[in-house]
Amino acid sequence: MPINFPNTPALNDEHTVGQITWVWNGTSWRAQRTSAVSSGDTLNDLSDVIIASAVSGQVLKYDGTNWVNAADLGGAGAGISLTDLSVTQAAASGTGTLSYNNTTGIFTYTPPDLSSYQTTAGFNGAIDSHLNQSNPTSGYVLSWNGSDYAWVAQSGGVALTDLSVGTEASASGDGGISYNNTTGVFTYTPPTAAGIGALADIQARI
């Protein structure tokens, strides 16, 4: 049955109908229960609950003043599912960034701008240009000339063919072997008879 509310209520005026007391909040009459809950009561009968055009899937949320029906996602305390998140890629810029929009749930990746770097297509040519010679001769080595690298004929280093054994020297003492680090020549000096005898004597004593 319709309720006949007062026409000019003041703030917090009360109007009781049956078991429910209605309070004027300055805008509308809100119900305040004065007795136990009955089977016919609804959420909207509570004074701090406002249900308007509820649809399936909505939940009850506090808006700072009243409990109201609202979508399950969005707003403080809302939960999300994995399908609510997504990622997109923007054009390359600067050193690159990763950002997140907490309204749409979208992560945006901006890759770094590498346009100033050498690409694979020109990489070999750039190396050849820097090294001053695109086709070095077989056996050349890379050498620093004081201001840049350059391919030059090998002029240093030691090969097996740079070493040799020189003429045997005259017998002397216990004998020995020597090496000339300028010429790469090893020289063998055999022991004298006296030296051999001294070695034999040492061996015998051992």
Protein backbone atom coordinates (compact mmCIF):
# COMPACT_ATOMS: atom_id res chain seq x y z
CA MET A 1 0.00 0.00 0.00
CA PRO A 2 1.24 3.55 -0.65
CA ILE A 3 2.82 5.48 2.21
CA ASN A 4 1.67 9.00 2.90
CA PHE A 5 4.86 10.84 3.84
CA PRO A 6 4.80 14.41 5.25
CA ASN A 7 5.00 17.03 2.50
CA THR A 8 7.62 19.33 4.05
CA PRO A 9 9.90 17.22 6.25
CA ALA A 10 12.96 18.61 8.04
CA LEU A 11 16.31 16.84 8.15
CA ASN A 12 16.16 13.64 10.27
CA ASP A 13 12.37 13.80 10.62
CA GLU A 14 10.89 10.34 11.25
CA HIS A 15 7.72 8.75 9.87
CA THR A 16 6.72 5.30 11.13
CA VAL A 17 4.58 2.90 9.13
CA GLY A 18 3.97 -0.52 10.68
CA GLN A 19 7.29 -1.94 11.85
CA ILE A 20 9.44 0.46 9.84
CA THR A 21 10.46 3.98 10.74
CA TRP A 22 11.40 6.21 7.81
CA VAL A 23 13.95 9.01 8.25
CA TRP A 24 14.25 12.05 5.96
CA ASN A 25 17.95 12.46 5.00
CA GLY A 26 17.46 15.76 3.26
CA THR A 27 16.84 14.18 -0.12
CA SER A 28 14.67 11.11 0.36
CA TRP A 29 12.97 8.97 3.01
CA ARG A 30 15.18 6.05 4.13
CA ALA A 31 13.88 3.10 6.13
CA GLN A 32 15.11 2.35 9.65
CA ARG A 33 14.00 -0.91 11.19
CA THR A 34 12.31 -0.78 14.55
CA SER A 35 11.66 -4.51 14.89
CA ALA A 36 13.24 -7.87 14.05
CA VAL A 37 13.92 -8.87 10.43
CA SER A 38 11.04 -10.67 8.72
CA SER A 39 11.00 -12.98 5.71
CA GLY A 40 9.56 -10.23 3.51
CA ASP A 41 12.35 -7.73 4.17
CA THR A 42 14.93 -6.76 1.51
CA LEU A 43 18.35 -5.11 1.64
CA ASN A 44 16.83 -1.88 0.41
CA ASP A 45 14.77 -1.72 3.62
CA LEU A 46 17.97 -0.88 5.53
CA SER A 47 18.57 2.83 6.09
CA ASP A 48 22.14 2.83 4.76
CA VAL A 49 21.50 0.62 1.71
CA ILE A 50 20.47 1.99 -1.68
CA ILE A 51 19.67 -0.55 -4.38
CA ALA A 52 18.91 0.97 -7.79
CA SER A 53 18.26 -1.09 -10.94
CA ALA A 54 20.37 -4.03 -9.78
CA VAL A 55 21.62 -6.45 -12.46
CA SER A 56 23.13 -9.91 -12.31
CA GLY A 57 26.77 -9.97 -11.20
CA GLN A 58 26.72 -6.74 -9.20
CA VAL A 59 27.93 -6.58 -5.61
CA LEU A 60 27.23 -4.36 -2.61
CA LYS A 61 29.87 -1.64 -2.14
CA TYR A 62 30.26 1.21 0.32
CA ASP A 63 30.48 4.60 -1.43
CA GLY A 64 31.51 6.52 1.66
CA THR A 65 27.96 7.23 2.75
CA ASN A 66 25.75 4.26 1.84
CA TRP A 67 25.97 0.69 0.64
CA VAL A 68 25.08 0.67 -3.06
CA ASN A 69 24.90 -1.90 -5.84
CA ALA A 70 27.79 -1.69 -8.32
CA ALA A 71 29.75 -3.76 -10.83
CA ASP A 72 32.08 -6.35 -9.33
CA LEU A 73 35.13 -4.84 -11.10
CA GLY A 74 36.39 -1.30 -10.58
CA GLY A 75 36.62 0.89 -7.54
CA ALA A 76 38.29 0.30 -4.21
CA GLY A 77 38.60 -3.28 -3.03
CA ALA A 78 37.58 -4.80 -6.36
CA GLY A 79 39.02 -8.11 -7.45
CA ILE A 80 40.27 -8.95 -10.93
CA SER A 81 40.87 -12.08 -12.97
CA LEU A 82 43.73 -12.94 -15.32
CA THR A 83 41.57 -12.10 -18.33
CA ASP A 84 41.22 -8.51 -17.10
CA LEU A 85 44.92 -7.89 -17.82
CA SER A 86 46.48 -7.40 -21.24
CA VAL A 87 49.65 -6.08 -22.85
CA THR A 88 50.36 -3.89 -25.85
CA GLN A 89 53.51 -2.61 -27.53
CA ALA A 90 54.12 1.01 -28.46
CA ALA A 91 56.57 2.47 -30.97
CA ALA A 92 60.24 2.46 -29.98
CA SER A 93 61.28 5.52 -27.98
CA GLY A 94 64.25 6.61 -25.87
CA THR A 95 65.67 3.93 -23.60
CA GLY A 96 62.36 2.02 -23.43
CA THR A 97 59.74 1.78 -20.66
CA LEU A 98 57.05 -0.46 -19.20
CA SER A 99 53.86 1.23 -17.94
CA TYR A 100 50.55 0.09 -16.47
CA ASN A 101 47.09 1.69 -16.70
CA ASN A 102 45.24 0.86 -13.47
CA THR A 103 41.92 1.81 -15.05
CA THR A 104 42.06 -0.41 -18.14
CA GLY A 105 44.41 -3.12 -16.79
CA ILE A 106 46.73 -2.70 -19.81
CA PHE A 107 50.52 -3.01 -19.61
CA THR A 108 52.28 -1.03 -22.35
CA TYR A 109 55.83 -1.92 -23.41
CA THR A 110 57.82 0.73 -25.24
CA PRO A 111 61.03 -0.78 -26.67
CA PRO A 112 64.23 1.31 -26.76
CA ASP A 113 65.02 3.25 -29.92
CA LEU A 114 68.00 1.48 -31.51
CA SER A 115 67.92 3.42 -34.78
CA SER A 116 71.32 5.00 -34.05
CA TYR A 117 72.97 1.59 -33.68
CA GLN A 118 74.58 -0.34 -36.54
CA THR A 119 72.31 -2.95 -38.07
CA THR A 120 73.31 -6.40 -39.29
CA ALA A 121 73.08 -5.29 -42.92
CA GLY A 122 75.92 -2.78 -42.58
CA PHE A 123 77.86 -4.41 -39.78
CA ASN A 124 80.52 -6.16 -41.87
CA GLY A 125 81.07 -3.10 -44.03
CA ALA A 126 81.44 -0.90 -40.97
CA ILE A 127 84.09 -3.21 -39.51
CA ASP A 128 86.01 -3.32 -42.79
CA SER A 129 85.90 0.46 -43.03
CA HIS A 130 87.13 0.89 -39.46
CA LEU A 131 89.97 -1.55 -39.99
CA ASN A 132 91.05 0.38 -43.11
CA GLN A 133 91.30 -2.68 -45.35
CA SER A 134 88.38 -4.83 -46.51
CA ASN A 135 90.52 -7.72 -47.82
CA PRO A 136 93.68 -8.23 -45.76
CA THR A 137 96.43 -10.35 -47.30
CA SER A 138 96.81 -13.89 -45.97
CA GLY A 139 99.06 -13.90 -42.92
CA TYR A 140 98.40 -10.25 -42.00
CA VAL A 141 97.69 -9.35 -38.40
CA LEU A 142 95.64 -6.60 -36.76
CA SER A 143 97.90 -3.92 -35.31
CA TRP A 144 97.36 -0.60 -33.50
CA ASN A 145 99.16 2.20 -35.37
CA GLY A 146 98.73 4.85 -32.68
CA SER A 147 95.34 6.16 -33.77
CA ASP A 148 93.48 3.23 -35.31
CA TYR A 149 93.63 -0.49 -36.04
CA ALA A 150 95.10 -1.65 -39.34
CA TRP A 151 95.94 -4.92 -41.09
CA VAL A 152 99.73 -5.24 -41.46
CA ALA A 153 102.24 -7.94 -42.39
CA GLN A 154 103.33 -9.92 -39.35
CA SER A 155 106.72 -8.72 -38.21
CA GLY A 156 107.04 -10.17 -34.74
CA GLY A 157 106.43 -13.34 -32.83
CA VAL A 158 108.35 -16.64 -32.76
CA ALA A 159 107.74 -19.64 -34.99
CA LEU A 160 109.26 -23.12 -34.75
CA THR A 161 111.48 -22.29 -37.70
CA ASP A 162 112.94 -19.34 -35.77
CA LEU A 163 114.66 -21.77 -33.34
CA SER A 164 117.81 -23.76 -34.05
CA VAL A 165 120.72 -25.62 -32.46
CA GLY A 166 124.10 -24.04 -33.15
CA THR A 167 127.54 -25.58 -33.52
CA GLU A 168 128.63 -27.62 -30.56
CA ALA A 169 130.95 -25.67 -28.33
CA SER A 170 134.26 -26.96 -26.94
CA ALA A 171 134.06 -29.34 -23.99
CA SER A 172 134.09 -27.56 -20.69
CA GLY A 173 133.62 -28.66 -17.10
CA ASP A 174 130.44 -30.58 -16.49
CA GLY A 175 128.98 -29.46 -19.84
CA GLY A 176 125.77 -27.50 -20.35
CA ILE A 177 123.29 -25.97 -22.77
CA SER A 178 122.66 -22.28 -23.42
CA TYR A 179 120.17 -20.19 -25.36
CA ASN A 180 120.61 -16.87 -27.18
CA ASN A 181 117.32 -15.01 -26.91
CA THR A 182 118.32 -12.63 -29.69
CA THR A 183 119.19 -15.20 -32.34
CA GLY A 184 117.03 -18.10 -31.09
CA VAL A 185 120.07 -20.44 -31.14
CA PHE A 186 120.64 -23.19 -28.56
CA THR A 187 124.31 -24.14 -28.00
CA TYR A 188 125.44 -27.44 -26.45
CA THR A 189 128.71 -27.60 -24.51
CA PRO A 190 129.88 -31.21 -23.79
CA PRO A 191 131.62 -32.01 -20.48
CA THR A 192 135.36 -32.68 -20.22
CA ALA A 193 136.79 -36.03 -19.11
CA ALA A 194 137.47 -34.57 -15.72
CA GLY A 195 133.96 -33.35 -15.56
CA ILE A 196 132.62 -36.77 -16.48
CA GLY A 197 134.81 -38.33 -13.75
CA ALA A 198 133.44 -35.88 -11.21
CA LEU A 199 129.90 -36.77 -12.24
CA ALA A 200 130.69 -40.50 -11.95
CA ASP A 201 132.13 -39.94 -8.52
CA ILE A 202 129.03 -38.10 -7.42
CA GLN A 203 126.86 -40.87 -8.82
CA ALA A 204 128.85 -43.50 -6.96
CA ARG A 205 128.45 -41.68 -3.71
CA ILE A 206 124.71 -41.43 -4.23
